[in-house]
Amino acid sequence: MGDEIRTTAEAVEADVMPRLYEVHCDPDATNANDQPLPKNMQAASASKKSPAQWAYERLALYIKNFEEKLDNEHEVAMGFAGGDAGVLRIEGMGYFDPDVITFYGSDPTGARTQLIQHVTQLNVLLRALPKAAKQAAPNRIGFRLTEALDEALDETTDETPQAAPEQS
């Protein structure tokens, strides 16, 4: 912002807007901050969001950015820190205010899997897994998540986004 003069309202609004900064070894690498923010993340009601909603929205951006780098033979999955829980192919994601994030999906054997995580314990490792052999095209959950954020907020109300129907 440099020497720009801002009104008090602009300064207050800037304090509740999300900030994102990334640096990579490859100067041509795309960053999550290269993505346009969905409308819901630009809303003036940002200060009313719970930690769970903020975590959900930011993860959606990271997942979409990760998926953009995948070929048509791979899908996004997440690995678990500690233990031998393995990985979960991300097929859905949600939050439960004020502080819980949940991931829906399946493990590499196809078994249905759900992770329920408190935001203070949130650590997500995104991994590329080969898409299921029976699928013609890979699932792209990150794109659906960010589209839902764009469509979710009617800027004339303070309503929070409605959950998208769970995929089976």
N, C-alpha and C. Protein backbone atom coordinates (compact mmCIF):
# COMPACT_ATOMS: atom_id res chain seq x y z
N MET A 1 0.81 -1.19 0.00
CA MET A 1 0.00 0.00 0.00
C MET A 1 0.86 1.26 0.00
N GLY A 2 2.09 1.16 0.43
CA GLY A 2 3.02 2.27 0.34
C GLY A 2 2.52 3.54 0.98
N ASP A 3 2.55 4.64 0.20
CA ASP A 3 2.19 5.96 0.71
C ASP A 3 0.71 6.28 0.50
N GLU A 4 -0.09 5.31 0.16
CA GLU A 4 -1.51 5.52 -0.10
C GLU A 4 -2.23 5.97 1.17
N ILE A 5 -3.10 6.95 1.01
CA ILE A 5 -3.90 7.42 2.14
C ILE A 5 -5.22 6.67 2.13
N ARG A 6 -5.60 6.12 3.30
CA ARG A 6 -6.84 5.35 3.40
C ARG A 6 -7.77 5.99 4.41
N THR A 7 -9.06 5.83 4.15
CA THR A 7 -10.04 6.29 5.13
C THR A 7 -10.05 5.31 6.29
N THR A 8 -10.65 5.70 7.40
CA THR A 8 -10.77 4.81 8.55
C THR A 8 -11.54 3.56 8.17
N ALA A 9 -12.60 3.71 7.40
CA ALA A 9 -13.40 2.55 6.97
C ALA A 9 -12.55 1.60 6.14
N GLU A 10 -11.72 2.12 5.24
CA GLU A 10 -10.86 1.26 4.43
C GLU A 10 -9.83 0.54 5.29
N ALA A 11 -9.29 1.23 6.28
CA ALA A 11 -8.31 0.60 7.17
C ALA A 11 -8.96 -0.51 8.00
N VAL A 12 -10.15 -0.28 8.51
CA VAL A 12 -10.86 -1.31 9.28
C VAL A 12 -11.18 -2.49 8.39
N GLU A 13 -11.66 -2.23 7.19
CA GLU A 13 -11.99 -3.31 6.26
C GLU A 13 -10.75 -4.12 5.92
N ALA A 14 -9.63 -3.46 5.70
CA ALA A 14 -8.39 -4.16 5.36
C ALA A 14 -7.93 -5.07 6.50
N ASP A 15 -8.22 -4.68 7.74
CA ASP A 15 -7.81 -5.50 8.88
C ASP A 15 -8.58 -6.80 8.98
N VAL A 16 -9.78 -6.89 8.41
CA VAL A 16 -10.56 -8.12 8.48
C VAL A 16 -10.48 -8.93 7.19
N MET A 17 -9.83 -8.41 6.18
CA MET A 17 -9.69 -9.13 4.92
C MET A 17 -8.56 -10.14 5.05
N PRO A 18 -8.68 -11.26 4.37
CA PRO A 18 -7.63 -12.27 4.46
C PRO A 18 -6.33 -11.79 3.83
N ARG A 19 -5.23 -12.19 4.41
CA ARG A 19 -3.92 -11.88 3.87
C ARG A 19 -3.26 -13.20 3.53
N LEU A 20 -2.52 -13.23 2.45
CA LEU A 20 -1.87 -14.45 1.99
C LEU A 20 -0.55 -14.08 1.36
N TYR A 21 0.49 -14.81 1.68
CA TYR A 21 1.81 -14.55 1.12
C TYR A 21 2.53 -15.87 0.95
N GLU A 22 3.11 -16.11 -0.21
CA GLU A 22 3.85 -17.34 -0.48
C GLU A 22 5.06 -17.02 -1.35
N VAL A 23 6.12 -17.79 -1.16
CA VAL A 23 7.31 -17.71 -2.00
C VAL A 23 7.72 -19.15 -2.32
N HIS A 24 8.09 -19.41 -3.57
CA HIS A 24 8.52 -20.74 -3.99
C HIS A 24 9.90 -20.66 -4.63
N CYS A 25 10.60 -21.79 -4.68
CA CYS A 25 11.90 -21.84 -5.36
C CYS A 25 11.77 -21.49 -6.83
N ASP A 26 10.72 -21.99 -7.47
CA ASP A 26 10.46 -21.73 -8.88
C ASP A 26 9.70 -20.40 -8.99
N PRO A 27 10.31 -19.37 -9.56
CA PRO A 27 9.63 -18.08 -9.65
C PRO A 27 8.37 -18.11 -10.52
N ASP A 28 8.23 -19.14 -11.36
CA ASP A 28 7.05 -19.27 -12.21
C ASP A 28 5.95 -20.12 -11.58
N ALA A 29 6.18 -20.63 -10.38
CA ALA A 29 5.18 -21.47 -9.71
C ALA A 29 3.94 -20.63 -9.38
N THR A 30 2.78 -21.24 -9.57
CA THR A 30 1.56 -20.53 -9.19
C THR A 30 1.36 -20.65 -7.68
N ASN A 31 0.85 -19.61 -7.10
CA ASN A 31 0.59 -19.56 -5.66
C ASN A 31 -0.91 -19.49 -5.41
N ALA A 32 -1.31 -19.87 -4.21
CA ALA A 32 -2.71 -19.71 -3.84
C ALA A 32 -3.10 -18.23 -3.91
N ASN A 33 -2.15 -17.33 -3.64
CA ASN A 33 -2.49 -15.90 -3.68
C ASN A 33 -2.62 -15.38 -5.11
N ASP A 34 -2.31 -16.21 -6.12
CA ASP A 34 -2.55 -15.84 -7.51
C ASP A 34 -4.01 -16.06 -7.90
N GLN A 35 -4.75 -16.77 -7.07
CA GLN A 35 -6.15 -17.08 -7.34
C GLN A 35 -7.03 -15.89 -6.94
N PRO A 36 -8.05 -15.59 -7.73
CA PRO A 36 -8.99 -14.57 -7.28
C PRO A 36 -9.77 -15.10 -6.07
N LEU A 37 -9.96 -14.25 -5.09
CA LEU A 37 -10.72 -14.66 -3.91
C LEU A 37 -12.20 -14.80 -4.25
N PRO A 38 -12.84 -15.89 -3.81
CA PRO A 38 -14.29 -16.00 -4.01
C PRO A 38 -14.99 -14.84 -3.32
N LYS A 39 -16.18 -14.49 -3.82
CA LYS A 39 -16.93 -13.36 -3.28
C LYS A 39 -17.12 -13.46 -1.77
N ASN A 40 -17.39 -14.66 -1.28
CA ASN A 40 -17.64 -14.84 0.14
C ASN A 40 -16.43 -14.47 0.99
N MET A 41 -15.24 -14.60 0.44
CA MET A 41 -14.04 -14.25 1.19
C MET A 41 -13.72 -12.76 1.09
N GLN A 42 -14.41 -12.04 0.23
CA GLN A 42 -14.21 -10.60 0.09
C GLN A 42 -15.27 -9.81 0.83
N ALA A 43 -16.22 -10.50 1.42
CA ALA A 43 -17.37 -9.84 2.04
C ALA A 43 -16.98 -8.98 3.23
N ALA A 44 -17.74 -7.94 3.43
CA ALA A 44 -17.50 -7.04 4.56
C ALA A 44 -17.78 -7.73 5.89
N SER A 45 -18.57 -8.82 5.87
CA SER A 45 -18.90 -9.52 7.10
C SER A 45 -17.80 -10.49 7.53
N ALA A 46 -16.59 -10.32 6.98
CA ALA A 46 -15.49 -11.25 7.25
C ALA A 46 -15.21 -11.40 8.74
N SER A 47 -15.35 -10.35 9.52
CA SER A 47 -15.05 -10.42 10.94
C SER A 47 -16.05 -11.29 11.69
N LYS A 48 -17.18 -11.62 11.07
CA LYS A 48 -18.20 -12.45 11.72
C LYS A 48 -17.96 -13.94 11.51
N LYS A 49 -16.94 -14.30 10.76
CA LYS A 49 -16.69 -15.71 10.46
C LYS A 49 -16.00 -16.40 11.62
N SER A 50 -16.36 -17.65 11.82
CA SER A 50 -15.73 -18.46 12.86
C SER A 50 -14.37 -18.96 12.38
N PRO A 51 -13.53 -19.42 13.31
CA PRO A 51 -12.27 -20.03 12.89
C PRO A 51 -12.50 -21.21 11.95
N ALA A 52 -13.57 -21.96 12.15
CA ALA A 52 -13.87 -23.10 11.28
C ALA A 52 -14.17 -22.64 9.86
N GLN A 53 -14.98 -21.59 9.72
CA GLN A 53 -15.32 -21.11 8.38
C GLN A 53 -14.08 -20.55 7.69
N TRP A 54 -13.25 -19.80 8.42
CA TRP A 54 -12.03 -19.27 7.82
C TRP A 54 -11.12 -20.41 7.36
N ALA A 55 -10.94 -21.44 8.20
CA ALA A 55 -10.08 -22.57 7.83
C ALA A 55 -10.63 -23.27 6.58
N TYR A 56 -11.94 -23.49 6.55
CA TYR A 56 -12.59 -24.15 5.41
C TYR A 56 -12.34 -23.36 4.12
N GLU A 57 -12.57 -22.07 4.15
CA GLU A 57 -12.43 -21.25 2.96
C GLU A 57 -10.99 -21.20 2.47
N ARG A 58 -10.05 -21.09 3.38
CA ARG A 58 -8.65 -21.04 2.96
C ARG A 58 -8.19 -22.38 2.42
N LEU A 59 -8.63 -23.47 3.05
CA LEU A 59 -8.28 -24.80 2.54
C LEU A 59 -8.84 -25.00 1.13
N ALA A 60 -10.04 -24.51 0.88
CA ALA A 60 -10.64 -24.64 -0.45
C ALA A 60 -9.73 -24.00 -1.50
N LEU A 61 -9.17 -22.83 -1.21
CA LEU A 61 -8.26 -22.17 -2.14
C LEU A 61 -6.98 -22.97 -2.36
N TYR A 62 -6.41 -23.50 -1.28
CA TYR A 62 -5.19 -24.30 -1.42
C TYR A 62 -5.45 -25.57 -2.21
N ILE A 63 -6.58 -26.23 -1.96
CA ILE A 63 -6.90 -27.46 -2.69
C ILE A 63 -7.08 -27.16 -4.17
N LYS A 64 -7.80 -26.09 -4.50
CA LYS A 64 -8.00 -25.74 -5.91
C LYS A 64 -6.66 -25.45 -6.58
N ASN A 65 -5.79 -24.70 -5.94
CA ASN A 65 -4.48 -24.39 -6.50
C ASN A 65 -3.68 -25.67 -6.71
N PHE A 66 -3.74 -26.60 -5.77
CA PHE A 66 -3.03 -27.88 -5.89
C PHE A 66 -3.57 -28.67 -7.08
N GLU A 67 -4.90 -28.72 -7.22
CA GLU A 67 -5.52 -29.47 -8.31
C GLU A 67 -5.17 -28.91 -9.68
N GLU A 68 -4.98 -27.61 -9.78
CA GLU A 68 -4.64 -27.01 -11.06
C GLU A 68 -3.31 -27.51 -11.60
N LYS A 69 -2.47 -28.05 -10.75
CA LYS A 69 -1.17 -28.56 -11.16
C LYS A 69 -1.20 -30.05 -11.49
N LEU A 70 -2.34 -30.71 -11.30
CA LEU A 70 -2.45 -32.15 -11.52
C LEU A 70 -2.82 -32.46 -12.97
N ASP A 71 -2.37 -33.62 -13.44
CA ASP A 71 -2.79 -34.08 -14.76
C ASP A 71 -4.12 -34.82 -14.62
N ASN A 72 -4.66 -35.30 -15.73
CA ASN A 72 -5.97 -35.96 -15.71
C ASN A 72 -5.94 -37.36 -15.13
N GLU A 73 -4.77 -37.83 -14.72
CA GLU A 73 -4.67 -39.17 -14.13
C GLU A 73 -4.61 -39.13 -12.61
N HIS A 74 -4.62 -37.93 -12.02
CA HIS A 74 -4.47 -37.80 -10.57
C HIS A 74 -5.57 -36.93 -9.97
N GLU A 75 -5.84 -37.19 -8.68
CA GLU A 75 -6.79 -36.42 -7.89
C GLU A 75 -6.13 -36.03 -6.58
N VAL A 76 -6.71 -35.05 -5.92
CA VAL A 76 -6.17 -34.60 -4.65
C VAL A 76 -6.57 -35.56 -3.53
N ALA A 77 -5.63 -35.79 -2.64
CA ALA A 77 -5.88 -36.58 -1.43
C ALA A 77 -5.10 -35.90 -0.32
N MET A 78 -5.36 -36.29 0.90
CA MET A 78 -4.60 -35.71 2.00
C MET A 78 -3.99 -36.81 2.84
N GLY A 79 -2.78 -36.58 3.31
CA GLY A 79 -2.10 -37.51 4.19
C GLY A 79 -2.29 -37.07 5.62
N PHE A 80 -2.13 -38.00 6.53
CA PHE A 80 -2.31 -37.70 7.94
C PHE A 80 -0.97 -37.68 8.65
N ALA A 81 -0.81 -36.71 9.54
CA ALA A 81 0.41 -36.61 10.32
C ALA A 81 0.32 -37.57 11.51
N GLY A 82 1.40 -38.31 11.75
CA GLY A 82 1.43 -39.24 12.87
C GLY A 82 0.61 -40.49 12.63
N GLY A 83 1.01 -41.58 13.22
CA GLY A 83 0.26 -42.82 13.10
C GLY A 83 0.33 -43.40 11.70
N ASP A 84 -0.48 -44.41 11.46
CA ASP A 84 -0.48 -45.07 10.16
C ASP A 84 -1.85 -44.99 9.50
N ALA A 85 -2.50 -43.85 9.66
CA ALA A 85 -3.86 -43.68 9.13
C ALA A 85 -3.90 -43.61 7.61
N GLY A 86 -2.78 -43.34 6.95
CA GLY A 86 -2.74 -43.32 5.50
C GLY A 86 -3.21 -42.02 4.89
N VAL A 87 -3.97 -42.14 3.77
CA VAL A 87 -4.43 -40.97 3.05
C VAL A 87 -5.93 -41.05 2.81
N LEU A 88 -6.52 -39.91 2.54
CA LEU A 88 -7.94 -39.80 2.25
C LEU A 88 -8.09 -39.05 0.94
N ARG A 89 -8.75 -39.67 -0.05
CA ARG A 89 -9.07 -38.99 -1.31
C ARG A 89 -10.19 -38.00 -0.97
N ILE A 90 -9.95 -36.70 -1.16
CA ILE A 90 -10.92 -35.68 -0.73
C ILE A 90 -12.09 -35.64 -1.72
N GLU A 91 -13.28 -35.97 -1.23
CA GLU A 91 -14.49 -35.95 -2.05
C GLU A 91 -15.50 -34.94 -1.53
N GLY A 92 -15.24 -34.39 -0.36
CA GLY A 92 -16.11 -33.37 0.22
C GLY A 92 -15.42 -32.75 1.42
N MET A 93 -15.85 -31.55 1.77
CA MET A 93 -15.25 -30.85 2.90
C MET A 93 -16.31 -29.94 3.49
N GLY A 94 -16.27 -29.74 4.80
CA GLY A 94 -17.22 -28.86 5.44
C GLY A 94 -16.69 -28.34 6.77
N TYR A 95 -17.50 -27.54 7.42
CA TYR A 95 -17.13 -27.06 8.75
C TYR A 95 -18.37 -27.00 9.62
N PHE A 96 -18.15 -27.06 10.92
CA PHE A 96 -19.21 -26.98 11.92
C PHE A 96 -18.74 -25.91 12.90
N ASP A 97 -19.41 -24.74 12.87
CA ASP A 97 -19.01 -23.64 13.74
C ASP A 97 -19.08 -24.07 15.21
N PRO A 98 -18.20 -23.57 16.03
CA PRO A 98 -17.25 -22.52 15.69
C PRO A 98 -15.87 -23.04 15.29
N ASP A 99 -15.58 -24.35 15.44
CA ASP A 99 -14.18 -24.74 15.40
C ASP A 99 -13.87 -26.13 14.85
N VAL A 100 -14.76 -26.73 14.06
CA VAL A 100 -14.52 -28.07 13.54
C VAL A 100 -14.55 -28.06 12.01
N ILE A 101 -13.58 -28.73 11.41
CA ILE A 101 -13.50 -28.94 9.97
C ILE A 101 -13.66 -30.44 9.74
N THR A 102 -14.35 -30.82 8.66
CA THR A 102 -14.48 -32.24 8.34
C THR A 102 -14.17 -32.48 6.87
N PHE A 103 -13.56 -33.61 6.60
CA PHE A 103 -13.22 -34.04 5.25
C PHE A 103 -13.91 -35.37 5.00
N TYR A 104 -14.56 -35.50 3.84
CA TYR A 104 -15.22 -36.73 3.44
C TYR A 104 -14.44 -37.32 2.27
N GLY A 105 -14.36 -38.63 2.20
CA GLY A 105 -13.68 -39.22 1.06
C GLY A 105 -13.57 -40.72 1.18
N SER A 106 -12.50 -41.22 0.58
CA SER A 106 -12.23 -42.66 0.60
C SER A 106 -10.74 -42.87 0.67
N ASP A 107 -10.34 -44.03 1.18
CA ASP A 107 -8.92 -44.35 1.21
C ASP A 107 -8.55 -45.04 -0.10
N PRO A 108 -7.27 -45.34 -0.32
CA PRO A 108 -6.86 -45.94 -1.60
C PRO A 108 -7.55 -47.27 -1.93
N THR A 109 -8.10 -47.97 -0.92
CA THR A 109 -8.82 -49.22 -1.19
C THR A 109 -10.27 -48.98 -1.56
N GLY A 110 -10.73 -47.73 -1.47
CA GLY A 110 -12.11 -47.39 -1.78
C GLY A 110 -13.02 -47.32 -0.57
N ALA A 111 -12.50 -47.60 0.62
CA ALA A 111 -13.31 -47.55 1.84
C ALA A 111 -13.70 -46.11 2.15
N ARG A 112 -14.98 -45.87 2.50
CA ARG A 112 -15.44 -44.53 2.86
C ARG A 112 -14.69 -44.06 4.10
N THR A 113 -14.29 -42.80 4.08
CA THR A 113 -13.48 -42.25 5.16
C THR A 113 -13.96 -40.84 5.48
N GLN A 114 -13.93 -40.47 6.76
CA GLN A 114 -14.23 -39.10 7.17
C GLN A 114 -13.26 -38.71 8.27
N LEU A 115 -12.70 -37.53 8.15
CA LEU A 115 -11.84 -36.96 9.18
C LEU A 115 -12.56 -35.77 9.78
N ILE A 116 -12.64 -35.72 11.10
CA ILE A 116 -13.22 -34.59 11.82
C ILE A 116 -12.08 -34.00 12.63
N GLN A 117 -11.80 -32.72 12.41
CA GLN A 117 -10.61 -32.11 12.98
C GLN A 117 -10.93 -30.77 13.63
N HIS A 118 -10.42 -30.54 14.83
CA HIS A 118 -10.53 -29.23 15.47
C HIS A 118 -9.55 -28.28 14.79
N VAL A 119 -9.95 -27.03 14.56
CA VAL A 119 -9.09 -26.11 13.81
C VAL A 119 -7.73 -25.87 14.48
N THR A 120 -7.65 -26.02 15.79
CA THR A 120 -6.36 -25.81 16.45
C THR A 120 -5.41 -26.97 16.21
N GLN A 121 -5.91 -28.09 15.71
CA GLN A 121 -5.09 -29.26 15.42
C GLN A 121 -4.92 -29.49 13.92
N LEU A 122 -5.34 -28.54 13.12
CA LEU A 122 -5.39 -28.73 11.67
C LEU A 122 -4.01 -28.73 11.04
N ASN A 123 -3.68 -29.84 10.42
CA ASN A 123 -2.48 -30.01 9.60
C ASN A 123 -2.92 -30.83 8.40
N VAL A 124 -2.77 -30.30 7.22
CA VAL A 124 -3.22 -31.00 6.01
C VAL A 124 -2.05 -31.13 5.05
N LEU A 125 -1.78 -32.36 4.64
CA LEU A 125 -0.77 -32.63 3.63
C LEU A 125 -1.52 -33.03 2.37
N LEU A 126 -1.46 -32.20 1.32
CA LEU A 126 -2.13 -32.53 0.07
C LEU A 126 -1.23 -33.44 -0.75
N ARG A 127 -1.83 -34.52 -1.29
CA ARG A 127 -1.09 -35.49 -2.09
C ARG A 127 -1.85 -35.76 -3.38
N ALA A 128 -1.12 -36.13 -4.41
CA ALA A 128 -1.73 -36.53 -5.67
C ALA A 128 -1.82 -38.05 -5.68
N LEU A 129 -3.02 -38.57 -5.86
CA LEU A 129 -3.24 -40.01 -6.00
C LEU A 129 -3.77 -40.28 -7.40
N PRO A 130 -3.43 -41.45 -7.97
CA PRO A 130 -4.04 -41.79 -9.26
C PRO A 130 -5.56 -41.82 -9.12
N LYS A 131 -6.27 -41.32 -10.14
CA LYS A 131 -7.72 -41.33 -10.09
C LYS A 131 -8.22 -42.76 -10.11
N ALA A 132 -9.44 -42.97 -9.66
CA ALA A 132 -10.03 -44.30 -9.68
C ALA A 132 -10.10 -44.79 -11.13
N ALA A 133 -9.75 -46.03 -11.36
CA ALA A 133 -9.66 -46.57 -12.72
C ALA A 133 -10.98 -46.49 -13.46
N LYS A 134 -12.12 -46.58 -12.78
CA LYS A 134 -13.42 -46.59 -13.45
C LYS A 134 -13.88 -45.20 -13.89
N GLN A 135 -13.17 -44.15 -13.49
CA GLN A 135 -13.56 -42.79 -13.82
C GLN A 135 -12.94 -42.34 -15.13
N ALA A 136 -13.73 -41.65 -15.95
CA ALA A 136 -13.21 -41.09 -17.19
C ALA A 136 -12.36 -39.85 -16.89
N ALA A 137 -12.83 -39.02 -15.98
CA ALA A 137 -12.13 -37.78 -15.64
C ALA A 137 -11.93 -37.72 -14.13
N PRO A 138 -10.88 -37.06 -13.68
CA PRO A 138 -10.65 -36.94 -12.23
C PRO A 138 -11.68 -36.01 -11.59
N ASN A 139 -12.00 -36.27 -10.32
CA ASN A 139 -12.84 -35.36 -9.56
C ASN A 139 -12.00 -34.16 -9.15
N ARG A 140 -12.58 -32.98 -9.21
CA ARG A 140 -11.88 -31.75 -8.82
C ARG A 140 -12.69 -31.04 -7.75
N ILE A 141 -12.54 -31.47 -6.51
CA ILE A 141 -13.29 -30.92 -5.39
C ILE A 141 -12.93 -29.47 -5.12
N GLY A 142 -11.67 -29.08 -5.30
CA GLY A 142 -11.25 -27.71 -5.04
C GLY A 142 -12.01 -26.70 -5.88
N PHE A 143 -12.26 -27.04 -7.14
CA PHE A 143 -13.01 -26.15 -8.02
C PHE A 143 -14.45 -26.02 -7.53
N ARG A 144 -15.06 -27.13 -7.11
CA ARG A 144 -16.44 -27.08 -6.60
C ARG A 144 -16.52 -26.27 -5.32
N LEU A 145 -15.51 -26.43 -4.44
CA LEU A 145 -15.50 -25.69 -3.17
C LEU A 145 -15.44 -24.19 -3.41
N THR A 146 -14.54 -23.75 -4.28
CA THR A 146 -14.41 -22.31 -4.50
C THR A 146 -15.60 -21.76 -5.29
N GLU A 147 -16.19 -22.54 -6.19
CA GLU A 147 -17.41 -22.10 -6.88
C GLU A 147 -18.54 -21.91 -5.86
N ALA A 148 -18.65 -22.84 -4.90
CA ALA A 148 -19.69 -22.72 -3.87
C ALA A 148 -19.48 -21.48 -3.03
N LEU A 149 -18.22 -21.13 -2.74
CA LEU A 149 -17.96 -19.91 -1.98
C LEU A 149 -18.38 -18.68 -2.77
N ASP A 150 -18.13 -18.69 -4.08
CA ASP A 150 -18.54 -17.56 -4.92
C ASP A 150 -20.05 -17.39 -4.94
N GLU A 151 -20.78 -18.50 -4.96
CA GLU A 151 -22.23 -18.45 -5.09
C GLU A 151 -22.95 -18.36 -3.76
N ALA A 152 -22.25 -18.64 -2.66
CA ALA A 152 -22.91 -18.83 -1.37
C ALA A 152 -23.42 -17.56 -0.71
N LEU A 153 -22.77 -16.47 -0.92
CA LEU A 153 -23.10 -15.27 -0.15
C LEU A 153 -23.94 -14.30 -0.96
N ASP A 154 -25.10 -14.02 -0.47
CA ASP A 154 -25.92 -12.95 -1.02
C ASP A 154 -25.46 -11.71 -0.26
N GLU A 155 -24.75 -10.84 -0.93
CA GLU A 155 -24.11 -9.72 -0.24
C GLU A 155 -25.09 -8.74 0.38
N THR A 156 -26.37 -8.95 0.15
CA THR A 156 -27.35 -8.08 0.80
C THR A 156 -27.78 -8.63 2.15
N THR A 157 -27.29 -9.82 2.53
CA THR A 157 -27.63 -10.42 3.82
C THR A 157 -26.35 -10.81 4.52
N ASP A 158 -26.48 -11.23 5.76
CA ASP A 158 -25.34 -11.74 6.51
C ASP A 158 -25.39 -13.26 6.59
N GLU A 159 -26.04 -13.90 5.62
CA GLU A 159 -26.17 -15.34 5.67
C GLU A 159 -24.84 -15.99 5.37
N THR A 160 -24.58 -17.14 6.02
CA THR A 160 -23.38 -17.92 5.76
C THR A 160 -23.69 -18.92 4.67
N PRO A 161 -22.66 -19.47 4.04
CA PRO A 161 -22.90 -20.39 2.93
C PRO A 161 -23.64 -21.63 3.36
N GLN A 162 -24.49 -22.13 2.47
CA GLN A 162 -25.19 -23.38 2.70
C GLN A 162 -24.31 -24.51 2.19
N ALA A 163 -24.33 -25.62 2.88
CA ALA A 163 -23.51 -26.76 2.49
C ALA A 163 -23.97 -27.31 1.16
N ALA A 164 -23.00 -27.65 0.33
CA ALA A 164 -23.32 -28.31 -0.93
C ALA A 164 -23.68 -29.75 -0.62
N PRO A 165 -24.54 -30.37 -1.42
CA PRO A 165 -24.90 -31.74 -1.15
C PRO A 165 -23.67 -32.65 -1.22
N GLU A 166 -23.59 -33.61 -0.31
CA GLU A 166 -22.46 -34.52 -0.27
C GLU A 166 -22.52 -35.45 -1.47
N GLN A 167 -21.35 -35.65 -2.08
CA GLN A 167 -21.26 -36.58 -3.21
C GLN A 167 -21.15 -37.99 -2.68
N SER A 168 -21.73 -38.94 -3.41
CA SER A 168 -21.55 -40.33 -3.00
C SER A 168 -20.71 -41.08 -3.96
